[in-house]
Amino acid sequence: ALAQRVVDGLGPVRLGPEDRLVLLGHSLGGVVALA
């Protein structure tokens, strides 16, 4: 659920077909990054 909320917040970023993500999470955030 925490991960889905992050996805929902990505809407305004408008990822294009060639865009890529790098995820850096601390502690709880690291687990959310894996999810």
PDB file of all heavy atoms in Angstrom:
ATOM      1  N   ALA A   1       0.828  -1.208   0.000  1.00  0.00           N
ATOM      2  CA  ALA A   1       0.000   0.000   0.000  1.00  0.00           C
ATOM      3  C   ALA A   1       0.863   1.260   0.000  1.00  0.00           C
ATOM      4  O   ALA A   1       0.540   2.251  -0.666  1.00  0.00           O
ATOM      5  CB  ALA A   1      -0.931  -0.009   1.211  1.00  0.00           C
ATOM      6  N   LEU A   2       1.954   1.224   0.733  1.00  0.00           N
ATOM      7  CA  LEU A   2       2.878   2.365   0.737  1.00  0.00           C
ATOM      8  C   LEU A   2       3.475   2.563  -0.653  1.00  0.00           C
ATOM      9  O   LEU A   2       3.601   3.695  -1.137  1.00  0.00           O
ATOM     10  CB  LEU A   2       3.981   2.146   1.765  1.00  0.00           C
ATOM     11  CG  LEU A   2       3.557   2.222   3.239  1.00  0.00           C
ATOM     12  CD1 LEU A   2       4.645   1.637   4.136  1.00  0.00           C
ATOM     13  CD2 LEU A   2       3.269   3.663   3.654  1.00  0.00           C
ATOM     14  N   ALA A   3       3.839   1.460  -1.312  1.00  0.00           N
ATOM     15  CA  ALA A   3       4.396   1.550  -2.656  1.00  0.00           C
ATOM     16  C   ALA A   3       3.368   2.103  -3.640  1.00  0.00           C
ATOM     17  O   ALA A   3       3.689   2.942  -4.491  1.00  0.00           O
ATOM     18  CB  ALA A   3       4.889   0.176  -3.117  1.00  0.00           C
ATOM     19  N   GLN A   4       2.132   1.655  -3.529  1.00  0.00           N
ATOM     20  CA  GLN A   4       1.096   2.128  -4.447  1.00  0.00           C
ATOM     21  C   GLN A   4       0.877   3.628  -4.301  1.00  0.00           C
ATOM     22  O   GLN A   4       0.658   4.324  -5.293  1.00  0.00           O
ATOM     23  CB  GLN A   4      -0.213   1.372  -4.209  1.00  0.00           C
ATOM     24  CG  GLN A   4      -1.301   1.727  -5.220  1.00  0.00           C
ATOM     25  CD  GLN A   4      -0.873   1.473  -6.652  1.00  0.00           C
ATOM     26  OE1 GLN A   4      -0.353   0.404  -6.973  1.00  0.00           O
ATOM     27  NE2 GLN A   4      -1.073   2.465  -7.523  1.00  0.00           N
ATOM     28  N   ARG A   5       0.962   4.137  -3.076  1.00  0.00           N
ATOM     29  CA  ARG A   5       0.803   5.582  -2.869  1.00  0.00           C
ATOM     30  C   ARG A   5       1.935   6.347  -3.573  1.00  0.00           C
ATOM     31  O   ARG A   5       1.704   7.421  -4.130  1.00  0.00           O
ATOM     32  CB  ARG A   5       0.794   5.884  -1.367  1.00  0.00           C
ATOM     33  CG  ARG A   5       0.665   7.360  -1.018  1.00  0.00           C
ATOM     34  CD  ARG A   5      -0.660   7.993  -1.438  1.00  0.00           C
ATOM     35  NE  ARG A   5      -1.802   7.391  -0.789  1.00  0.00           N
ATOM     36  CZ  ARG A   5      -2.190   7.651   0.467  1.00  0.00           C
ATOM     37  NH1 ARG A   5      -1.510   8.495   1.206  1.00  0.00           N
ATOM     38  NH2 ARG A   5      -3.248   7.053   0.964  1.00  0.00           N
ATOM     39  N   VAL A   6       3.142   5.783  -3.560  1.00  0.00           N
ATOM     40  CA  VAL A   6       4.241   6.419  -4.293  1.00  0.00           C
ATOM     41  C   VAL A   6       3.938   6.431  -5.788  1.00  0.00           C
ATOM     42  O   VAL A   6       4.130   7.436  -6.473  1.00  0.00           O
ATOM     43  CB  VAL A   6       5.582   5.704  -4.009  1.00  0.00           C
ATOM     44  CG1 VAL A   6       6.694   6.289  -4.888  1.00  0.00           C
ATOM     45  CG2 VAL A   6       5.966   5.839  -2.539  1.00  0.00           C
ATOM     46  N   VAL A   7       3.445   5.304  -6.304  1.00  0.00           N
ATOM     47  CA  VAL A   7       3.096   5.222  -7.727  1.00  0.00           C
ATOM     48  C   VAL A   7       2.043   6.267  -8.069  1.00  0.00           C
ATOM     49  O   VAL A   7       2.144   6.965  -9.087  1.00  0.00           O
ATOM     50  CB  VAL A   7       2.589   3.815  -8.086  1.00  0.00           C
ATOM     51  CG1 VAL A   7       2.048   3.778  -9.510  1.00  0.00           C
ATOM     52  CG2 VAL A   7       3.710   2.795  -7.925  1.00  0.00           C
ATOM     53  N   ASP A   8       1.048   6.385  -7.221  1.00  0.00           N
ATOM     54  CA  ASP A   8      -0.015   7.364  -7.462  1.00  0.00           C
ATOM     55  C   ASP A   8       0.558   8.780  -7.546  1.00  0.00           C
ATOM     56  O   ASP A   8       0.084   9.606  -8.335  1.00  0.00           O
ATOM     57  CB  ASP A   8      -1.059   7.298  -6.347  1.00  0.00           C
ATOM     58  CG  ASP A   8      -1.812   5.972  -6.326  1.00  0.00           C
ATOM     59  OD1 ASP A   8      -1.754   5.248  -7.338  1.00  0.00           O
ATOM     60  OD2 ASP A   8      -2.428   5.665  -5.288  1.00  0.00           O
ATOM     61  N   GLY A   9       1.586   9.039  -6.740  1.00  0.00           N
ATOM     62  CA  GLY A   9       2.196  10.371  -6.733  1.00  0.00           C
ATOM     63  C   GLY A   9       3.092  10.639  -7.923  1.00  0.00           C
ATOM     64  O   GLY A   9       3.494  11.786  -8.157  1.00  0.00           O
ATOM     65  N   LEU A  10       3.413   9.590  -8.693  1.00  0.00           N
ATOM     66  CA  LEU A  10       4.265   9.779  -9.863  1.00  0.00           C
ATOM     67  C   LEU A  10       3.506  10.350 -11.044  1.00  0.00           C
ATOM     68  O   LEU A  10       4.123  10.737 -12.042  1.00  0.00           O
ATOM     69  CB  LEU A  10       4.896   8.445 -10.279  1.00  0.00           C
ATOM     70  CG  LEU A  10       6.010   7.899  -9.401  1.00  0.00           C
ATOM     71  CD1 LEU A  10       6.458   6.537  -9.921  1.00  0.00           C
ATOM     72  CD2 LEU A  10       7.188   8.856  -9.361  1.00  0.00           C
ATOM     73  N   GLY A  11       2.193  10.418 -10.944  1.00  0.00           N
ATOM     74  CA  GLY A  11       1.392  10.891 -12.063  1.00  0.00           C
ATOM     75  C   GLY A  11       1.898  12.167 -12.718  1.00  0.00           C
ATOM     76  O   GLY A  11       2.102  12.209 -13.937  1.00  0.00           O
ATOM     77  N   PRO A  12       2.155  13.236 -11.916  1.00  0.00           N
ATOM     78  CA  PRO A  12       2.600  14.493 -12.522  1.00  0.00           C
ATOM     79  C   PRO A  12       3.971  14.414 -13.181  1.00  0.00           C
ATOM     80  O   PRO A  12       4.339  15.296 -13.952  1.00  0.00           O
ATOM     81  CB  PRO A  12       2.628  15.453 -11.318  1.00  0.00           C
ATOM     82  CG  PRO A  12       1.731  14.840 -10.296  1.00  0.00           C
ATOM     83  CD  PRO A  12       1.885  13.360 -10.485  1.00  0.00           C
ATOM     84  N   VAL A  13       4.757  13.370 -12.868  1.00  0.00           N
ATOM     85  CA  VAL A  13       6.093  13.264 -13.455  1.00  0.00           C
ATOM     86  C   VAL A  13       6.006  12.946 -14.951  1.00  0.00           C
ATOM     87  O   VAL A  13       6.890  13.289 -15.724  1.00  0.00           O
ATOM     88  CB  VAL A  13       6.914  12.181 -12.715  1.00  0.00           C
ATOM     89  CG1 VAL A  13       8.278  11.988 -13.354  1.00  0.00           C
ATOM     90  CG2 VAL A  13       7.071  12.561 -11.248  1.00  0.00           C
ATOM     91  N   ARG A  14       4.932  12.291 -15.369  1.00  0.00           N
ATOM     92  CA  ARG A  14       4.688  11.972 -16.777  1.00  0.00           C
ATOM     93  C   ARG A  14       5.886  11.240 -17.396  1.00  0.00           C
ATOM     94  O   ARG A  14       6.600  11.769 -18.237  1.00  0.00           O
ATOM     95  CB  ARG A  14       4.359  13.250 -17.565  1.00  0.00           C
ATOM     96  CG  ARG A  14       3.047  13.894 -17.165  1.00  0.00           C
ATOM     97  CD  ARG A  14       2.687  15.025 -18.094  1.00  0.00           C
ATOM     98  NE  ARG A  14       3.696  16.069 -18.110  1.00  0.00           N
ATOM     99  CZ  ARG A  14       3.769  17.057 -17.213  1.00  0.00           C
ATOM    100  NH1 ARG A  14       2.890  17.119 -16.222  1.00  0.00           N
ATOM    101  NH2 ARG A  14       4.706  17.971 -17.301  1.00  0.00           N
ATOM    102  N   LEU A  15       6.091  10.011 -16.965  1.00  0.00           N
ATOM    103  CA  LEU A  15       7.189   9.211 -17.491  1.00  0.00           C
ATOM    104  C   LEU A  15       6.972   8.908 -18.973  1.00  0.00           C
ATOM    105  O   LEU A  15       5.895   8.476 -19.377  1.00  0.00           O
ATOM    106  CB  LEU A  15       7.307   7.901 -16.711  1.00  0.00           C
ATOM    107  CG  LEU A  15       7.680   8.016 -15.226  1.00  0.00           C
ATOM    108  CD1 LEU A  15       7.668   6.642 -14.582  1.00  0.00           C
ATOM    109  CD2 LEU A  15       9.036   8.673 -15.057  1.00  0.00           C
ATOM    110  N   GLY A  16       8.006   9.135 -19.743  1.00  0.00           N
ATOM    111  CA  GLY A  16       7.958   8.806 -21.158  1.00  0.00           C
ATOM    112  C   GLY A  16       8.408   7.381 -21.399  1.00  0.00           C
ATOM    113  O   GLY A  16       8.887   6.704 -20.479  1.00  0.00           O
ATOM    114  N   PRO A  17       8.298   6.906 -22.620  1.00  0.00           N
ATOM    115  CA  PRO A  17       8.636   5.507 -22.917  1.00  0.00           C
ATOM    116  C   PRO A  17      10.112   5.182 -22.692  1.00  0.00           C
ATOM    117  O   PRO A  17      10.467   4.012 -22.530  1.00  0.00           O
ATOM    118  CB  PRO A  17       8.249   5.356 -24.393  1.00  0.00           C
ATOM    119  CG  PRO A  17       8.198   6.750 -24.923  1.00  0.00           C
ATOM    120  CD  PRO A  17       7.787   7.621 -23.795  1.00  0.00           C
ATOM    121  N   GLU A  18      10.991   6.191 -22.695  1.00  0.00           N
ATOM    122  CA  GLU A  18      12.417   5.945 -22.506  1.00  0.00           C
ATOM    123  C   GLU A  18      12.888   6.314 -21.100  1.00  0.00           C
ATOM    124  O   GLU A  18      14.071   6.162 -20.795  1.00  0.00           O
ATOM    125  CB  GLU A  18      13.227   6.726 -23.540  1.00  0.00           C
ATOM    126  CG  GLU A  18      12.935   6.313 -24.977  1.00  0.00           C
ATOM    127  CD  GLU A  18      13.777   7.082 -25.978  1.00  0.00           C
ATOM    128  OE1 GLU A  18      14.656   7.852 -25.542  1.00  0.00           O
ATOM    129  OE2 GLU A  18      13.555   6.910 -27.183  1.00  0.00           O
ATOM    130  N   ASP A  19      12.010   6.794 -20.267  1.00  0.00           N
ATOM    131  CA  ASP A  19      12.402   7.199 -18.922  1.00  0.00           C
ATOM    132  C   ASP A  19      12.651   5.988 -18.042  1.00  0.00           C
ATOM    133  O   ASP A  19      12.005   4.940 -18.177  1.00  0.00           O
ATOM    134  CB  ASP A  19      11.317   8.076 -18.287  1.00  0.00           C
ATOM    135  CG  ASP A  19      11.277   9.464 -18.902  1.00  0.00           C
ATOM    136  OD1 ASP A  19      12.102   9.726 -19.784  1.00  0.00           O
ATOM    137  OD2 ASP A  19      10.427  10.271 -18.501  1.00  0.00           O
ATOM    138  N   ARG A  20      13.605   6.144 -17.119  1.00  0.00           N
ATOM    139  CA  ARG A  20      13.965   5.081 -16.187  1.00  0.00           C
ATOM    140  C   ARG A  20      13.987   5.643 -14.772  1.00  0.00           C
ATOM    141  O   ARG A  20      14.176   6.843 -14.567  1.00  0.00           O
ATOM    142  CB  ARG A  20      15.343   4.497 -16.532  1.00  0.00           C
ATOM    143  CG  ARG A  20      15.524   4.084 -17.976  1.00  0.00           C
ATOM    144  CD  ARG A  20      14.605   2.959 -18.376  1.00  0.00           C
ATOM    145  NE  ARG A  20      14.872   1.740 -17.597  1.00  0.00           N
ATOM    146  CZ  ARG A  20      14.142   0.640 -17.689  1.00  0.00           C
ATOM    147  NH1 ARG A  20      13.089   0.612 -18.501  1.00  0.00           N
ATOM    148  NH2 ARG A  20      14.444  -0.426 -16.970  1.00  0.00           N
ATOM    149  N   LEU A  21      13.815   4.742 -13.793  1.00  0.00           N
ATOM    150  CA  LEU A  21      13.801   5.135 -12.386  1.00  0.00           C
ATOM    151  C   LEU A  21      14.947   4.455 -11.646  1.00  0.00           C
ATOM    152  O   LEU A  21      15.244   3.279 -11.872  1.00  0.00           O
ATOM    153  CB  LEU A  21      12.480   4.728 -11.725  1.00  0.00           C
ATOM    154  CG  LEU A  21      11.190   5.282 -12.324  1.00  0.00           C
ATOM    155  CD1 LEU A  21       9.985   4.656 -11.619  1.00  0.00           C
ATOM    156  CD2 LEU A  21      11.147   6.795 -12.223  1.00  0.00           C
ATOM    157  N   VAL A  22      15.576   5.201 -10.755  1.00  0.00           N
ATOM    158  CA  VAL A  22      16.513   4.651  -9.780  1.00  0.00           C
ATOM    159  C   VAL A  22      15.924   4.931  -8.406  1.00  0.00           C
ATOM    160  O   VAL A  22      15.538   6.075  -8.106  1.00  0.00           O
ATOM    161  CB  VAL A  22      17.909   5.275  -9.913  1.00  0.00           C
ATOM    162  CG1 VAL A  22      18.829   4.791  -8.795  1.00  0.00           C
ATOM    163  CG2 VAL A  22      18.519   4.940 -11.269  1.00  0.00           C
ATOM    164  N   LEU A  23      15.803   3.909  -7.576  1.00  0.00           N
ATOM    165  CA  LEU A  23      15.149   4.033  -6.281  1.00  0.00           C
ATOM    166  C   LEU A  23      16.178   3.913  -5.174  1.00  0.00           C
ATOM    167  O   LEU A  23      16.929   2.936  -5.120  1.00  0.00           O
ATOM    168  CB  LEU A  23      14.092   2.935  -6.116  1.00  0.00           C
ATOM    169  CG  LEU A  23      13.102   2.746  -7.279  1.00  0.00           C
ATOM    170  CD1 LEU A  23      12.153   1.584  -6.961  1.00  0.00           C
ATOM    171  CD2 LEU A  23      12.332   4.020  -7.544  1.00  0.00           C
ATOM    172  N   LEU A  24      16.215   4.918  -4.294  1.00  0.00           N
ATOM    173  CA  LEU A  24      17.072   4.880  -3.113  1.00  0.00           C
ATOM    174  C   LEU A  24      16.186   5.066  -1.893  1.00  0.00           C
ATOM    175  O   LEU A  24      15.576   6.125  -1.719  1.00  0.00           O
ATOM    176  CB  LEU A  24      18.133   5.976  -3.170  1.00  0.00           C
ATOM    177  CG  LEU A  24      18.946   6.223  -1.889  1.00  0.00           C
ATOM    178  CD1 LEU A  24      19.660   4.962  -1.425  1.00  0.00           C
ATOM    179  CD2 LEU A  24      19.946   7.353  -2.082  1.00  0.00           C
ATOM    180  N   GLY A  25      16.092   4.032  -1.070  1.00  0.00           N
ATOM    181  CA  GLY A  25      15.224   4.107   0.100  1.00  0.00           C
ATOM    182  C   GLY A  25      15.984   3.815   1.368  1.00  0.00           C
ATOM    183  O   GLY A  25      16.850   2.933   1.406  1.00  0.00           O
ATOM    184  N   HIS A  26      15.645   4.559   2.421  1.00  0.00           N
ATOM    185  CA  HIS A  26      16.260   4.348   3.734  1.00  0.00           C
ATOM    186  C   HIS A  26      15.311   3.570   4.634  1.00  0.00           C
ATOM    187  O   HIS A  26      14.156   3.961   4.801  1.00  0.00           O
ATOM    188  CB  HIS A  26      16.595   5.688   4.386  1.00  0.00           C
ATOM    189  CG  HIS A  26      17.026   5.552   5.816  1.00  0.00           C
ATOM    190  ND1 HIS A  26      16.295   6.064   6.869  1.00  0.00           N
ATOM    191  CD2 HIS A  26      18.096   4.930   6.369  1.00  0.00           C
ATOM    192  CE1 HIS A  26      16.905   5.770   8.004  1.00  0.00           C
ATOM    193  NE2 HIS A  26      17.995   5.092   7.730  1.00  0.00           N
ATOM    194  N   SER A  27      15.778   2.469   5.192  1.00  0.00           N
ATOM    195  CA  SER A  27      15.038   1.714   6.204  1.00  0.00           C
ATOM    196  C   SER A  27      13.668   1.312   5.652  1.00  0.00           C
ATOM    197  O   SER A  27      13.585   0.588   4.666  1.00  0.00           O
ATOM    198  CB  SER A  27      14.944   2.552   7.488  1.00  0.00           C
ATOM    199  OG  SER A  27      14.622   1.773   8.613  1.00  0.00           O
ATOM    200  N   LEU A  28      12.579   1.796   6.222  1.00  0.00           N
ATOM    201  CA  LEU A  28      11.248   1.523   5.680  1.00  0.00           C
ATOM    202  C   LEU A  28      11.191   1.870   4.200  1.00  0.00           C
ATOM    203  O   LEU A  28      10.622   1.125   3.389  1.00  0.00           O
ATOM    204  CB  LEU A  28      10.201   2.331   6.449  1.00  0.00           C
ATOM    205  CG  LEU A  28       8.797   2.390   5.848  1.00  0.00           C
ATOM    206  CD1 LEU A  28       8.148   1.017   5.840  1.00  0.00           C
ATOM    207  CD2 LEU A  28       7.932   3.394   6.608  1.00  0.00           C
ATOM    208  N   GLY A  29      11.772   3.014   3.823  1.00  0.00           N
ATOM    209  CA  GLY A  29      11.758   3.430   2.423  1.00  0.00           C
ATOM    210  C   GLY A  29      12.479   2.462   1.510  1.00  0.00           C
ATOM    211  O   GLY A  29      12.131   2.320   0.331  1.00  0.00           O
ATOM    212  N   GLY A  30      13.489   1.772   2.045  1.00  0.00           N
ATOM    213  CA  GLY A  30      14.181   0.773   1.249  1.00  0.00           C
ATOM    214  C   GLY A  30      13.298  -0.410   0.944  1.00  0.00           C
ATOM    215  O   GLY A  30      13.351  -0.979  -0.165  1.00  0.00           O
ATOM    216  N   VAL A  31      12.472  -0.805   1.901  1.00  0.00           N
ATOM    217  CA  VAL A  31      11.533  -1.910   1.667  1.00  0.00           C
ATOM    218  C   VAL A  31      10.479  -1.476   0.650  1.00  0.00           C
ATOM    219  O   VAL A  31      10.114  -2.246  -0.252  1.00  0.00           O
ATOM    220  CB  VAL A  31      10.869  -2.344   2.985  1.00  0.00           C
ATOM    221  CG1 VAL A  31       9.956  -3.541   2.736  1.00  0.00           C
ATOM    222  CG2 VAL A  31      11.913  -2.695   4.035  1.00  0.00           C
ATOM    223  N   VAL A  32       9.997  -0.245   0.768  1.00  0.00           N
ATOM    224  CA  VAL A  32       9.021   0.265  -0.196  1.00  0.00           C
ATOM    225  C   VAL A  32       9.633   0.288  -1.595  1.00  0.00           C
ATOM    226  O   VAL A  32       8.969  -0.046  -2.586  1.00  0.00           O
ATOM    227  CB  VAL A  32       8.535   1.665   0.220  1.00  0.00           C
ATOM    228  CG1 VAL A  32       7.629   2.265  -0.842  1.00  0.00           C
ATOM    229  CG2 VAL A  32       7.805   1.597   1.562  1.00  0.00           C
ATOM    230  N   ALA A  33      10.915   0.639  -1.683  1.00  0.00           N
ATOM    231  CA  ALA A  33      11.594   0.644  -2.982  1.00  0.00           C
ATOM    232  C   ALA A  33      11.604  -0.749  -3.598  1.00  0.00           C
ATOM    233  O   ALA A  33      11.370  -0.915  -4.799  1.00  0.00           O
ATOM    234  CB  ALA A  33      13.016   1.173  -2.825  1.00  0.00           C
ATOM    235  N   LEU A  34      11.860  -1.775  -2.781  1.00  0.00           N
ATOM    236  CA  LEU A  34      11.832  -3.144  -3.291  1.00  0.00           C
ATOM    237  C   LEU A  34      10.432  -3.516  -3.778  1.00  0.00           C
ATOM    238  O   LEU A  34      10.276  -4.189  -4.807  1.00  0.00           O
ATOM    239  CB  LEU A  34      12.289  -4.121  -2.212  1.00  0.00           C
ATOM    240  CG  LEU A  34      13.774  -4.041  -1.830  1.00  0.00           C
ATOM    241  CD1 LEU A  34      14.053  -4.950  -0.633  1.00  0.00           C
ATOM    242  CD2 LEU A  34      14.656  -4.432  -3.011  1.00  0.00           C
ATOM    243  N   ALA A  35       9.419  -3.086  -3.049  1.00  0.00           N
ATOM    244  CA  ALA A  35       8.043  -3.362  -3.474  1.00  0.00           C
ATOM    245  C   ALA A  35       7.726  -2.664  -4.792  1.00  0.00           C
ATOM    246  O   ALA A  35       7.001  -3.205  -5.639  1.00  0.00           O
ATOM    247  CB  ALA A  35       7.062  -2.924  -2.383  1.00  0.00           C
TER     248      ALA A  35
END
